[in-house]
Amino acid sequence: MTAAKQPWHGVHVATALPFSDEGYAVDWDGFAEHVSWLAAQGCDGVCPNGSLGEYQSLSDEERSRVVETAVAAAPEGFGVMPGVAAYGALQSRRWIEQAAEAGASSVLLLPPNSYRADDRTVIAHYREAAKVGIPVVAYNNPYDTRVDLTPELLAELHAEGLVVAVKEFSGDVRRPYQIHELAPGLDLLIGADDVLLELALAGAVGWIAGYPNALPEATVELYRLATSDDPADIAAALPLYRALHPLLRWDSKPEFVQAIKLSMELAGRKGGVCRPPRSPLPPESAAAVRAATEAALAAGHR
C-alpha cells in the first residue's frame, strides 16, 4: 500500500443523483445533503457525474452544477473526484477544466468511447487530459467502452505521468498483479463492488463504490477490514463480504443504478426515480434487490 494518503485514496462513493418524482428535475438540496451525509458516515470522498449519477442524461448546465454542489457540500479533507467522460478528448478536457475550477481534488476519466480506439488514440486522449494539471484517475471499463486499458497500456500511461491510478472494473482479479509488476507506482482502485475483497487483498488503496449510497457504515467497515495489514481484520472481512455480496453483485449489472436507488429507499435514504431511458426494475429483479437489502438490514448492516 502507498504510504502517503492521496486525494484519490480510500472510499469514494459514486453518488446517485436524486430527481423529483415528476418532471425529473434534479433535487439539488437533496444531493448536497447526500454528499454531507456520506462524509459523516465515514466515506473519504465522492465521485459525482459517473454512470451511477446518470451523467449521460444531464444537460451541460446540470452536469457542471453537480460538481459545484458536491464541492460546496464536501467538508474539509473530503475528496471530490468527478467523472469527466466525453466522446472526444477536447470535450473531456473542458470537463476537467470545469472540475478543477470548481475545486475538485482529482478526476475520473474513461478512455475515448465513441469507437474502439487503439492504444495510440488512448494515449493521445490522456495526454490531452493531463494538460489541465489535476490528477487523473483512469477508468477501465471494457464492457461499456469496448476499450481495454490493459496492464501494458496502463504502464505506458503511468510512465508518461498521465495517470495516477486506475479504477479497475474488468472483474479480472488477476489484473492487479500484472499492473503492480508493470507499473509499480500506479495506484489500484477497486472499481466493482463485487470484487472488493479480491482487489483489496491484491493491494488496492481505494474503492470507487456504489453500495455505500445505501449502506455506508457496513461497506466502509468492509473496506477498512479488507485493506488492513492485520490478519484478524482480513478474517473478519470475509463473513461480512459474504453477507453483503448478494447486494454488491448488483453493482456489476446493467440495472445497477435502479438497484442501488431501490436499496437506498429501503434503507431510509432518497433513491427515487431514474431519468429515461432507465426504467424501473422488472418485478423479479426488484424482488431480488428488496430481499437482499432487507436481509442485510435485518442483520444490522447499515
C-alpha atoms as a PDB file:
ATOM      1  CA  MET A   1       0.000   0.000   0.000  1.00  0.00           C
ATOM      2  CA  THR A   2       1.118   3.558  -0.670  1.00  0.00           C
ATOM      3  CA  ALA A   3       2.431   5.259   2.475  1.00  0.00           C
ATOM      4  CA  ALA A   4       1.129   8.782   1.849  1.00  0.00           C
ATOM      5  CA  LYS A   5      -2.628   9.178   1.555  1.00  0.00           C
ATOM      6  CA  GLN A   6      -3.557  10.844  -1.712  1.00  0.00           C
ATOM      7  CA  PRO A   7      -6.870  12.555  -2.590  1.00  0.00           C
ATOM      8  CA  TRP A   8      -7.998   9.533  -4.614  1.00  0.00           C
ATOM      9  CA  HIS A   9      -7.335   7.019  -1.815  1.00  0.00           C
ATOM     10  CA  GLY A  10      -9.994   5.485   0.406  1.00  0.00           C
ATOM     11  CA  VAL A  11     -13.711   5.015  -0.215  1.00  0.00           C
ATOM     12  CA  HIS A  12     -15.075   7.392  -2.845  1.00  0.00           C
ATOM     13  CA  VAL A  13     -18.789   6.913  -3.417  1.00  0.00           C
ATOM     14  CA  ALA A  14     -20.077   7.091  -6.984  1.00  0.00           C
ATOM     15  CA  THR A  15     -23.002   9.216  -5.954  1.00  0.00           C
ATOM     16  CA  ALA A  16     -26.552   8.563  -7.047  1.00  0.00           C
ATOM     17  CA  LEU A  17     -28.386  11.713  -8.109  1.00  0.00           C
ATOM     18  CA  PRO A  18     -31.890  12.372  -6.764  1.00  0.00           C
ATOM     19  CA  PHE A  19     -34.647  13.612  -9.079  1.00  0.00           C
ATOM     20  CA  SER A  20     -38.144  14.838  -8.436  1.00  0.00           C
ATOM     21  CA  ASP A  21     -40.769  12.153  -8.913  1.00  0.00           C
ATOM     22  CA  GLU A  22     -42.490  14.272 -11.559  1.00  0.00           C
ATOM     23  CA  GLY A  23     -40.546  16.051 -14.273  1.00  0.00           C
ATOM     24  CA  TYR A  24     -37.170  14.508 -13.364  1.00  0.00           C
ATOM     25  CA  ALA A  25     -35.757  17.812 -12.079  1.00  0.00           C
ATOM     26  CA  VAL A  26     -32.549  17.420 -10.078  1.00  0.00           C
ATOM     27  CA  ASP A  27     -33.096  17.710  -6.334  1.00  0.00           C
ATOM     28  CA  TRP A  28     -30.103  19.938  -5.614  1.00  0.00           C
ATOM     29  CA  ASP A  29     -30.718  20.269  -1.890  1.00  0.00           C
ATOM     30  CA  GLY A  30     -31.174  16.510  -1.625  1.00  0.00           C
ATOM     31  CA  PHE A  31     -27.907  15.888  -3.476  1.00  0.00           C
ATOM     32  CA  ALA A  32     -25.971  18.303  -1.258  1.00  0.00           C
ATOM     33  CA  GLU A  33     -27.414  16.637   1.834  1.00  0.00           C
ATOM     34  CA  HIS A  34     -26.420  13.219   0.494  1.00  0.00           C
ATOM     35  CA  VAL A  35     -22.799  14.304  -0.019  1.00  0.00           C
ATOM     36  CA  SER A  36     -22.643  15.710   3.513  1.00  0.00           C
ATOM     37  CA  TRP A  37     -24.252  12.559   4.903  1.00  0.00           C
ATOM     38  CA  LEU A  38     -21.741  10.277   3.180  1.00  0.00           C
ATOM     39  CA  ALA A  39     -18.906  12.305   4.694  1.00  0.00           C
ATOM     40  CA  ALA A  40     -20.492  11.993   8.147  1.00  0.00           C
ATOM     41  CA  GLN A  41     -20.772   8.204   7.647  1.00  0.00           C
ATOM     42  CA  GLY A  42     -17.005   7.822   7.268  1.00  0.00           C
ATOM     43  CA  CYS A  43     -16.561   7.824   3.495  1.00  0.00           C
ATOM     44  CA  ASP A  44     -13.463   9.574   2.130  1.00  0.00           C
ATOM     45  CA  GLY A  45     -14.967  11.279  -0.906  1.00  0.00           C
ATOM     46  CA  VAL A  46     -17.466  11.193  -3.743  1.00  0.00           C
ATOM     47  CA  CYS A  47     -17.349  10.629  -7.483  1.00  0.00           C
ATOM     48  CA  PRO A  48     -20.195  12.678  -8.965  1.00  0.00           C
ATOM     49  CA  ASN A  49     -21.122  12.532 -12.648  1.00  0.00           C
ATOM     50  CA  GLY A  50     -20.454   8.839 -13.030  1.00  0.00           C
ATOM     51  CA  SER A  51     -22.840   6.358 -14.600  1.00  0.00           C
ATOM     52  CA  LEU A  52     -24.479   5.904 -11.193  1.00  0.00           C
ATOM     53  CA  GLY A  53     -25.101   9.663 -11.235  1.00  0.00           C
ATOM     54  CA  GLU A  54     -26.767   9.303 -14.670  1.00  0.00           C
ATOM     55  CA  TYR A  55     -24.474  11.938 -16.175  1.00  0.00           C
ATOM     56  CA  GLN A  56     -25.388  10.870 -19.704  1.00  0.00           C
ATOM     57  CA  SER A  57     -28.930  12.188 -19.147  1.00  0.00           C
ATOM     58  CA  LEU A  58     -27.842  15.580 -17.766  1.00  0.00           C
ATOM     59  CA  SER A  59     -27.593  18.880 -19.592  1.00  0.00           C
ATOM     60  CA  ASP A  60     -24.206  20.620 -19.619  1.00  0.00           C
ATOM     61  CA  GLU A  61     -25.525  23.131 -17.089  1.00  0.00           C
ATOM     62  CA  GLU A  62     -26.734  20.356 -14.782  1.00  0.00           C
ATOM     63  CA  ARG A  63     -23.504  18.419 -15.108  1.00  0.00           C
ATOM     64  CA  SER A  64     -21.476  21.486 -14.114  1.00  0.00           C
ATOM     65  CA  ARG A  65     -23.766  22.214 -11.187  1.00  0.00           C
ATOM     66  CA  VAL A  66     -23.443  18.643  -9.898  1.00  0.00           C
ATOM     67  CA  VAL A  67     -19.696  19.177  -9.421  1.00  0.00           C
ATOM     68  CA  GLU A  68     -20.142  22.610  -7.893  1.00  0.00           C
ATOM     69  CA  THR A  69     -22.783  21.282  -5.487  1.00  0.00           C
ATOM     70  CA  ALA A  70     -20.600  18.354  -4.419  1.00  0.00           C
ATOM     71  CA  VAL A  71     -17.591  20.589  -3.767  1.00  0.00           C
ATOM     72  CA  ALA A  72     -19.697  23.082  -1.794  1.00  0.00           C
ATOM     73  CA  ALA A  73     -21.175  20.296   0.355  1.00  0.00           C
ATOM     74  CA  ALA A  74     -17.878  18.492   0.979  1.00  0.00           C
ATOM     75  CA  PRO A  75     -16.242  19.137   4.363  1.00  0.00           C
ATOM     76  CA  GLU A  76     -12.529  19.863   4.561  1.00  0.00           C
ATOM     77  CA  GLY A  77     -10.451  16.862   3.564  1.00  0.00           C
ATOM     78  CA  PHE A  78     -13.341  15.120   1.820  1.00  0.00           C
ATOM     79  CA  GLY A  79     -12.420  14.344  -1.793  1.00  0.00           C
ATOM     80  CA  VAL A  80     -14.451  15.163  -4.884  1.00  0.00           C
ATOM     81  CA  MET A  81     -13.422  13.162  -7.961  1.00  0.00           C
ATOM     82  CA  PRO A  82     -15.868  13.977 -10.786  1.00  0.00           C
ATOM     83  CA  GLY A  83     -16.339  11.755 -13.776  1.00  0.00           C
ATOM     84  CA  VAL A  84     -15.210  13.672 -16.861  1.00  0.00           C
ATOM     85  CA  ALA A  85     -16.038  11.214 -19.621  1.00  0.00           C
ATOM     86  CA  ALA A  86     -16.956  12.502 -23.071  1.00  0.00           C
ATOM     87  CA  TYR A  87     -16.891  11.214 -26.619  1.00  0.00           C
ATOM     88  CA  GLY A  88     -13.911  13.377 -27.524  1.00  0.00           C
ATOM     89  CA  ALA A  89     -10.660  14.364 -25.822  1.00  0.00           C
ATOM     90  CA  LEU A  90     -11.355  18.086 -26.204  1.00  0.00           C
ATOM     91  CA  GLN A  91     -14.750  17.720 -24.527  1.00  0.00           C
ATOM     92  CA  SER A  92     -13.194  15.700 -21.691  1.00  0.00           C
ATOM     93  CA  ARG A  93     -10.541  18.370 -21.241  1.00  0.00           C
ATOM     94  CA  ARG A  94     -13.238  21.031 -20.870  1.00  0.00           C
ATOM     95  CA  TRP A  95     -14.964  18.940 -18.186  1.00  0.00           C
ATOM     96  CA  ILE A  96     -11.619  18.526 -16.406  1.00  0.00           C
ATOM     97  CA  GLU A  97     -11.082  22.280 -16.516  1.00  0.00           C
ATOM     98  CA  GLN A  98     -14.557  22.822 -15.093  1.00  0.00           C
ATOM     99  CA  ALA A  99     -13.884  20.330 -12.308  1.00  0.00           C
ATOM    100  CA  ALA A 100     -10.572  21.989 -11.442  1.00  0.00           C
ATOM    101  CA  GLU A 101     -12.153  25.449 -11.393  1.00  0.00           C
ATOM    102  CA  ALA A 102     -14.922  24.155  -9.100  1.00  0.00           C
ATOM    103  CA  GLY A 103     -12.337  22.845  -6.622  1.00  0.00           C
ATOM    104  CA  ALA A 104     -12.268  19.098  -7.308  1.00  0.00           C
ATOM    105  CA  SER A 105      -9.243  17.225  -5.969  1.00  0.00           C
ATOM    106  CA  SER A 106      -8.924  14.732  -8.861  1.00  0.00           C
ATOM    107  CA  VAL A 107     -10.930  13.444 -11.840  1.00  0.00           C
ATOM    108  CA  LEU A 108     -12.000  10.051 -13.171  1.00  0.00           C
ATOM    109  CA  LEU A 109     -11.599   9.584 -16.915  1.00  0.00           C
ATOM    110  CA  LEU A 110     -12.726   6.815 -19.248  1.00  0.00           C
ATOM    111  CA  PRO A 111     -10.813   6.221 -22.478  1.00  0.00           C
ATOM    112  CA  PRO A 112     -12.399   7.569 -25.668  1.00  0.00           C
ATOM    113  CA  ASN A 113     -15.527   5.501 -26.257  1.00  0.00           C
ATOM    114  CA  SER A 114     -17.219   6.677 -29.429  1.00  0.00           C
ATOM    115  CA  TYR A 115     -15.459   3.809 -31.191  1.00  0.00           C
ATOM    116  CA  ARG A 116     -12.942   1.068 -30.376  1.00  0.00           C
ATOM    117  CA  ALA A 117      -9.862   3.241 -30.006  1.00  0.00           C
ATOM    118  CA  ASP A 118      -6.378   1.813 -30.460  1.00  0.00           C
ATOM    119  CA  ASP A 119      -3.551   2.309 -27.974  1.00  0.00           C
ATOM    120  CA  ARG A 120      -2.144   5.331 -29.812  1.00  0.00           C
ATOM    121  CA  THR A 121      -5.519   7.075 -29.632  1.00  0.00           C
ATOM    122  CA  VAL A 122      -5.962   6.242 -25.956  1.00  0.00           C
ATOM    123  CA  ILE A 123      -2.553   7.692 -25.089  1.00  0.00           C
ATOM    124  CA  ALA A 124      -3.325  10.886 -27.026  1.00  0.00           C
ATOM    125  CA  HIS A 125      -6.640  11.139 -25.137  1.00  0.00           C
ATOM    126  CA  TYR A 126      -4.952  11.004 -21.739  1.00  0.00           C
ATOM    127  CA  ARG A 127      -2.208  13.389 -22.889  1.00  0.00           C
ATOM    128  CA  GLU A 128      -4.876  15.970 -23.625  1.00  0.00           C
ATOM    129  CA  ALA A 129      -6.457  15.361 -20.229  1.00  0.00           C
ATOM    130  CA  ALA A 130      -3.146  15.702 -18.370  1.00  0.00           C
ATOM    131  CA  LYS A 131      -2.596  19.218 -19.751  1.00  0.00           C
ATOM    132  CA  VAL A 132      -5.033  20.634 -17.183  1.00  0.00           C
ATOM    133  CA  GLY A 133      -2.764  19.627 -14.292  1.00  0.00           C
ATOM    134  CA  ILE A 134      -5.253  17.988 -11.927  1.00  0.00           C
ATOM    135  CA  PRO A 135      -4.593  14.316 -11.008  1.00  0.00           C
ATOM    136  CA  VAL A 136      -6.276  11.940 -13.468  1.00  0.00           C
ATOM    137  CA  VAL A 137      -7.539   8.510 -12.453  1.00  0.00           C
ATOM    138  CA  ALA A 138      -8.036   6.206 -15.439  1.00  0.00           C
ATOM    139  CA  TYR A 139     -11.226   4.163 -15.550  1.00  0.00           C
ATOM    140  CA  ASN A 140     -11.007   0.745 -17.179  1.00  0.00           C
ATOM    141  CA  ASN A 141     -14.472  -0.463 -18.166  1.00  0.00           C
ATOM    142  CA  PRO A 142     -14.015  -2.587 -21.291  1.00  0.00           C
ATOM    143  CA  TYR A 143     -17.640  -3.764 -21.236  1.00  0.00           C
ATOM    144  CA  ASP A 144     -19.196  -0.358 -21.774  1.00  0.00           C
ATOM    145  CA  THR A 145     -16.400   1.374 -23.694  1.00  0.00           C
ATOM    146  CA  ARG A 146     -15.130  -1.547 -25.815  1.00  0.00           C
ATOM    147  CA  VAL A 147     -11.636  -0.227 -24.978  1.00  0.00           C
ATOM    148  CA  ASP A 148      -9.488  -2.272 -22.590  1.00  0.00           C
ATOM    149  CA  LEU A 149      -6.858  -0.438 -20.572  1.00  0.00           C
ATOM    150  CA  THR A 150      -4.565  -3.438 -20.350  1.00  0.00           C
ATOM    151  CA  PRO A 151      -1.758  -3.560 -17.779  1.00  0.00           C
ATOM    152  CA  GLU A 152       0.708  -2.881 -20.598  1.00  0.00           C
ATOM    153  CA  LEU A 153      -1.205   0.206 -21.740  1.00  0.00           C
ATOM    154  CA  LEU A 154      -1.644   1.458 -18.177  1.00  0.00           C
ATOM    155  CA  ALA A 155       2.103   1.122 -17.680  1.00  0.00           C
ATOM    156  CA  GLU A 156       2.669   3.393 -20.687  1.00  0.00           C
ATOM    157  CA  LEU A 157       0.190   5.960 -19.425  1.00  0.00           C
ATOM    158  CA  HIS A 158       1.730   5.958 -15.956  1.00  0.00           C
ATOM    159  CA  ALA A 159       5.320   6.079 -17.207  1.00  0.00           C
ATOM    160  CA  GLU A 160       4.472   9.242 -19.118  1.00  0.00           C
ATOM    161  CA  GLY A 161       2.920  10.786 -15.998  1.00  0.00           C
ATOM    162  CA  LEU A 162      -0.581  10.930 -17.464  1.00  0.00           C
ATOM    163  CA  VAL A 163      -2.482   8.985 -14.773  1.00  0.00           C
ATOM    164  CA  VAL A 164      -2.019   8.463 -11.041  1.00  0.00           C
ATOM    165  CA  ALA A 165      -4.334   5.493 -10.517  1.00  0.00           C
ATOM    166  CA  VAL A 166      -6.776   3.179 -12.249  1.00  0.00           C
ATOM    167  CA  LYS A 167     -10.331   2.260 -11.357  1.00  0.00           C
ATOM    168  CA  GLU A 168     -10.291  -1.407 -12.371  1.00  0.00           C
ATOM    169  CA  PHE A 169     -13.712  -2.642 -13.496  1.00  0.00           C
ATOM    170  CA  SER A 170     -12.729  -5.551 -15.729  1.00  0.00           C
ATOM    171  CA  GLY A 171     -13.637  -8.035 -12.990  1.00  0.00           C
ATOM    172  CA  ASP A 172     -10.436  -9.955 -13.717  1.00  0.00           C
ATOM    173  CA  VAL A 173      -8.833 -10.452 -10.319  1.00  0.00           C
ATOM    174  CA  ARG A 174      -5.538 -11.411 -11.994  1.00  0.00           C
ATOM    175  CA  ARG A 175      -5.122  -7.901 -13.383  1.00  0.00           C
ATOM    176  CA  PRO A 176      -3.877  -6.195 -10.186  1.00  0.00           C
ATOM    177  CA  TYR A 177      -0.776  -8.356 -10.021  1.00  0.00           C
ATOM    178  CA  GLN A 178       0.146  -7.586 -13.624  1.00  0.00           C
ATOM    179  CA  ILE A 179      -0.469  -3.886 -13.040  1.00  0.00           C
ATOM    180  CA  HIS A 180       1.768  -3.856  -9.967  1.00  0.00           C
ATOM    181  CA  GLU A 181       4.512  -5.678 -11.871  1.00  0.00           C
ATOM    182  CA  LEU A 182       4.438  -3.397 -14.921  1.00  0.00           C
ATOM    183  CA  ALA A 183       3.567  -0.105 -13.201  1.00  0.00           C
ATOM    184  CA  PRO A 184       4.519  -0.442  -9.523  1.00  0.00           C
ATOM    185  CA  GLY A 185       3.810   3.221  -8.780  1.00  0.00           C
ATOM    186  CA  LEU A 186       0.289   3.199 -10.221  1.00  0.00           C
ATOM    187  CA  ASP A 187      -2.403   3.098  -7.542  1.00  0.00           C
ATOM    188  CA  LEU A 188      -5.072   0.431  -7.872  1.00  0.00           C
ATOM    189  CA  LEU A 189      -8.663   1.396  -7.053  1.00  0.00           C
ATOM    190  CA  ILE A 190     -11.427  -1.187  -6.715  1.00  0.00           C
ATOM    191  CA  GLY A 191     -13.888  -0.496  -9.498  1.00  0.00           C
ATOM    192  CA  ALA A 192     -16.644  -3.050  -8.904  1.00  0.00           C
ATOM    193  CA  ASP A 193     -18.300  -3.731  -5.561  1.00  0.00           C
ATOM    194  CA  ASP A 194     -18.418  -7.498  -6.018  1.00  0.00           C
ATOM    195  CA  VAL A 195     -14.628  -7.943  -6.303  1.00  0.00           C
ATOM    196  CA  LEU A 196     -13.822  -5.714  -3.345  1.00  0.00           C
ATOM    197  CA  LEU A 197     -12.154  -8.349  -1.189  1.00  0.00           C
ATOM    198  CA  GLU A 198     -10.155  -9.855  -4.041  1.00  0.00           C
ATOM    199  CA  LEU A 199      -8.737  -6.493  -5.174  1.00  0.00           C
ATOM    200  CA  ALA A 200      -8.191  -5.302  -1.614  1.00  0.00           C
ATOM    201  CA  LEU A 201      -6.028  -8.345  -0.954  1.00  0.00           C
ATOM    202  CA  ALA A 202      -4.150  -7.588  -4.173  1.00  0.00           C
ATOM    203  CA  GLY A 203      -3.105  -4.183  -2.848  1.00  0.00           C
ATOM    204  CA  ALA A 204      -5.857  -1.704  -3.701  1.00  0.00           C
ATOM    205  CA  VAL A 205      -5.595   1.663  -1.940  1.00  0.00           C
ATOM    206  CA  GLY A 206      -9.083   2.892  -2.794  1.00  0.00           C
ATOM    207  CA  TRP A 207     -12.588   1.906  -3.796  1.00  0.00           C
ATOM    208  CA  ILE A 208     -14.905   3.797  -6.135  1.00  0.00           C
ATOM    209  CA  ALA A 209     -18.060   2.361  -4.701  1.00  0.00           C
ATOM    210  CA  GLY A 210     -21.761   2.064  -5.393  1.00  0.00           C
ATOM    211  CA  TYR A 211     -23.406   0.459  -2.394  1.00  0.00           C
ATOM    212  CA  PRO A 212     -22.217   2.933   0.258  1.00  0.00           C
ATOM    213  CA  ASN A 213     -25.008   5.110  -1.148  1.00  0.00           C
ATOM    214  CA  ALA A 214     -27.359   2.794   0.748  1.00  0.00           C
ATOM    215  CA  LEU A 215     -25.259   1.073   3.422  1.00  0.00           C
ATOM    216  CA  PRO A 216     -22.241   3.282   4.150  1.00  0.00           C
ATOM    217  CA  GLU A 217     -21.417   2.052   7.651  1.00  0.00           C
ATOM    218  CA  ALA A 218     -21.208  -1.626   6.715  1.00  0.00           C
ATOM    219  CA  THR A 219     -19.448  -1.105   3.384  1.00  0.00           C
ATOM    220  CA  VAL A 220     -16.848   1.305   4.772  1.00  0.00           C
ATOM    221  CA  GLU A 221     -16.159  -1.164   7.572  1.00  0.00           C
ATOM    222  CA  LEU A 222     -15.767  -3.915   4.991  1.00  0.00           C
ATOM    223  CA  TYR A 223     -13.239  -1.834   3.052  1.00  0.00           C
ATOM    224  CA  ARG A 224     -11.253  -0.968   6.186  1.00  0.00           C
ATOM    225  CA  LEU A 225     -11.094  -4.616   7.243  1.00  0.00           C
ATOM    226  CA  ALA A 226     -10.211  -5.888   3.767  1.00  0.00           C
ATOM    227  CA  THR A 227      -7.350  -3.403   3.295  1.00  0.00           C
ATOM    228  CA  SER A 228      -5.906  -3.904   6.776  1.00  0.00           C
ATOM    229  CA  ASP A 229      -2.492  -5.390   7.409  1.00  0.00           C
ATOM    230  CA  ASP A 230      -3.885  -7.272  10.418  1.00  0.00           C
ATOM    231  CA  PRO A 231      -4.755 -10.921   9.623  1.00  0.00           C
ATOM    232  CA  ALA A 232      -7.578 -10.780  12.192  1.00  0.00           C
ATOM    233  CA  ASP A 233      -9.192  -7.957  10.221  1.00  0.00           C
ATOM    234  CA  ILE A 234      -8.930  -9.911   6.980  1.00  0.00           C
ATOM    235  CA  ALA A 235     -10.596 -12.881   8.689  1.00  0.00           C
ATOM    236  CA  ALA A 236     -13.387 -10.595   9.912  1.00  0.00           C
ATOM    237  CA  ALA A 237     -13.861  -9.161   6.428  1.00  0.00           C
ATOM    238  CA  LEU A 238     -14.809 -12.484   4.837  1.00  0.00           C
ATOM    239  CA  PRO A 239     -18.140 -13.141   6.630  1.00  0.00           C
ATOM    240  CA  LEU A 240     -19.169  -9.504   6.144  1.00  0.00           C
ATOM    241  CA  TYR A 241     -18.291  -9.739   2.453  1.00  0.00           C
ATOM    242  CA  ARG A 242     -20.348 -12.897   2.112  1.00  0.00           C
ATOM    243  CA  ALA A 243     -23.301 -11.274   3.865  1.00  0.00           C
ATOM    244  CA  LEU A 244     -23.230  -8.219   1.592  1.00  0.00           C
ATOM    245  CA  HIS A 245     -22.316  -9.930  -1.677  1.00  0.00           C
ATOM    246  CA  PRO A 246     -25.931 -10.575  -2.798  1.00  0.00           C
ATOM    247  CA  LEU A 247     -26.212  -6.774  -2.946  1.00  0.00           C
ATOM    248  CA  LEU A 248     -22.680  -5.919  -4.066  1.00  0.00           C
ATOM    249  CA  ARG A 249     -23.005  -8.018  -7.214  1.00  0.00           C
ATOM    250  CA  TRP A 250     -25.759  -5.706  -8.479  1.00  0.00           C
ATOM    251  CA  ASP A 251     -23.074  -3.053  -8.999  1.00  0.00           C
ATOM    252  CA  SER A 252     -21.823  -5.072 -11.983  1.00  0.00           C
ATOM    253  CA  LYS A 253     -25.223  -5.489 -13.644  1.00  0.00           C
ATOM    254  CA  PRO A 254     -26.716  -3.130 -16.263  1.00  0.00           C
ATOM    255  CA  GLU A 255     -29.553  -2.265 -13.845  1.00  0.00           C
ATOM    256  CA  PHE A 256     -27.145  -1.181 -11.090  1.00  0.00           C
ATOM    257  CA  VAL A 257     -28.499   2.382 -10.875  1.00  0.00           C
ATOM    258  CA  GLN A 258     -32.078   1.240 -10.324  1.00  0.00           C
ATOM    259  CA  ALA A 259     -30.938  -1.472  -7.887  1.00  0.00           C
ATOM    260  CA  ILE A 260     -28.867   0.860  -5.731  1.00  0.00           C
ATOM    261  CA  LYS A 261     -31.592   3.514  -5.699  1.00  0.00           C
ATOM    262  CA  LEU A 262     -34.113   0.890  -4.568  1.00  0.00           C
ATOM    263  CA  SER A 263     -31.766  -0.233  -1.790  1.00  0.00           C
ATOM    264  CA  MET A 264     -31.382   3.396  -0.747  1.00  0.00           C
ATOM    265  CA  GLU A 265     -35.147   3.735  -0.406  1.00  0.00           C
ATOM    266  CA  LEU A 266     -35.358   0.580   1.701  1.00  0.00           C
ATOM    267  CA  ALA A 267     -32.537   1.857   3.917  1.00  0.00           C
ATOM    268  CA  GLY A 268     -34.339   5.143   4.543  1.00  0.00           C
ATOM    269  CA  ARG A 269     -32.494   7.299   2.020  1.00  0.00           C
ATOM    270  CA  LYS A 270     -33.947   9.023  -1.035  1.00  0.00           C
ATOM    271  CA  GLY A 271     -33.135   6.917  -4.065  1.00  0.00           C
ATOM    272  CA  GLY A 272     -36.136   7.701  -6.183  1.00  0.00           C
ATOM    273  CA  VAL A 273     -36.666   7.517  -9.895  1.00  0.00           C
ATOM    274  CA  CYS A 274     -34.139   7.330 -12.705  1.00  0.00           C
ATOM    275  CA  ARG A 275     -34.243   9.561 -15.739  1.00  0.00           C
ATOM    276  CA  PRO A 276     -35.210   7.959 -19.029  1.00  0.00           C
ATOM    277  CA  PRO A 277     -34.068   5.842 -20.741  1.00  0.00           C
ATOM    278  CA  ARG A 278     -33.568   3.964 -17.448  1.00  0.00           C
ATOM    279  CA  SER A 279     -36.884   2.411 -16.494  1.00  0.00           C
ATOM    280  CA  PRO A 280     -37.939   0.788 -13.202  1.00  0.00           C
ATOM    281  CA  LEU A 281     -36.626  -2.669 -12.419  1.00  0.00           C
ATOM    282  CA  PRO A 282     -38.767  -5.564 -13.659  1.00  0.00           C
ATOM    283  CA  PRO A 283     -40.701  -7.206 -10.803  1.00  0.00           C
ATOM    284  CA  GLU A 284     -38.407 -10.222 -10.435  1.00  0.00           C
ATOM    285  CA  SER A 285     -35.281  -8.049 -10.210  1.00  0.00           C
ATOM    286  CA  ALA A 286     -36.933  -5.625  -7.795  1.00  0.00           C
ATOM    287  CA  ALA A 287     -37.958  -8.546  -5.602  1.00  0.00           C
ATOM    288  CA  ALA A 288     -34.383  -9.878  -5.548  1.00  0.00           C
ATOM    289  CA  VAL A 289     -32.930  -6.481  -4.619  1.00  0.00           C
ATOM    290  CA  ARG A 290     -35.603  -5.972  -1.995  1.00  0.00           C
ATOM    291  CA  ALA A 291     -34.971  -9.383  -0.404  1.00  0.00           C
ATOM    292  CA  ALA A 292     -31.196  -8.911  -0.316  1.00  0.00           C
ATOM    293  CA  THR A 293     -31.486  -5.404   1.096  1.00  0.00           C
ATOM    294  CA  GLU A 294     -33.987  -6.404   3.769  1.00  0.00           C
ATOM    295  CA  ALA A 295     -31.754  -9.333   4.773  1.00  0.00           C
ATOM    296  CA  ALA A 296     -28.764  -7.036   5.153  1.00  0.00           C
ATOM    297  CA  LEU A 297     -30.751  -4.523   7.179  1.00  0.00           C
ATOM    298  CA  ALA A 298     -32.200  -7.252   9.388  1.00  0.00           C
ATOM    299  CA  ALA A 299     -28.668  -8.443  10.111  1.00  0.00           C
ATOM    300  CA  GLY A 300     -27.794  -4.965  11.338  1.00  0.00           C
ATOM    301  CA  HIS A 301     -25.841  -3.789   8.287  1.00  0.00           C
ATOM    302  CA  ARG A 302     -26.461  -0.091   7.722  1.00  0.00           C
END
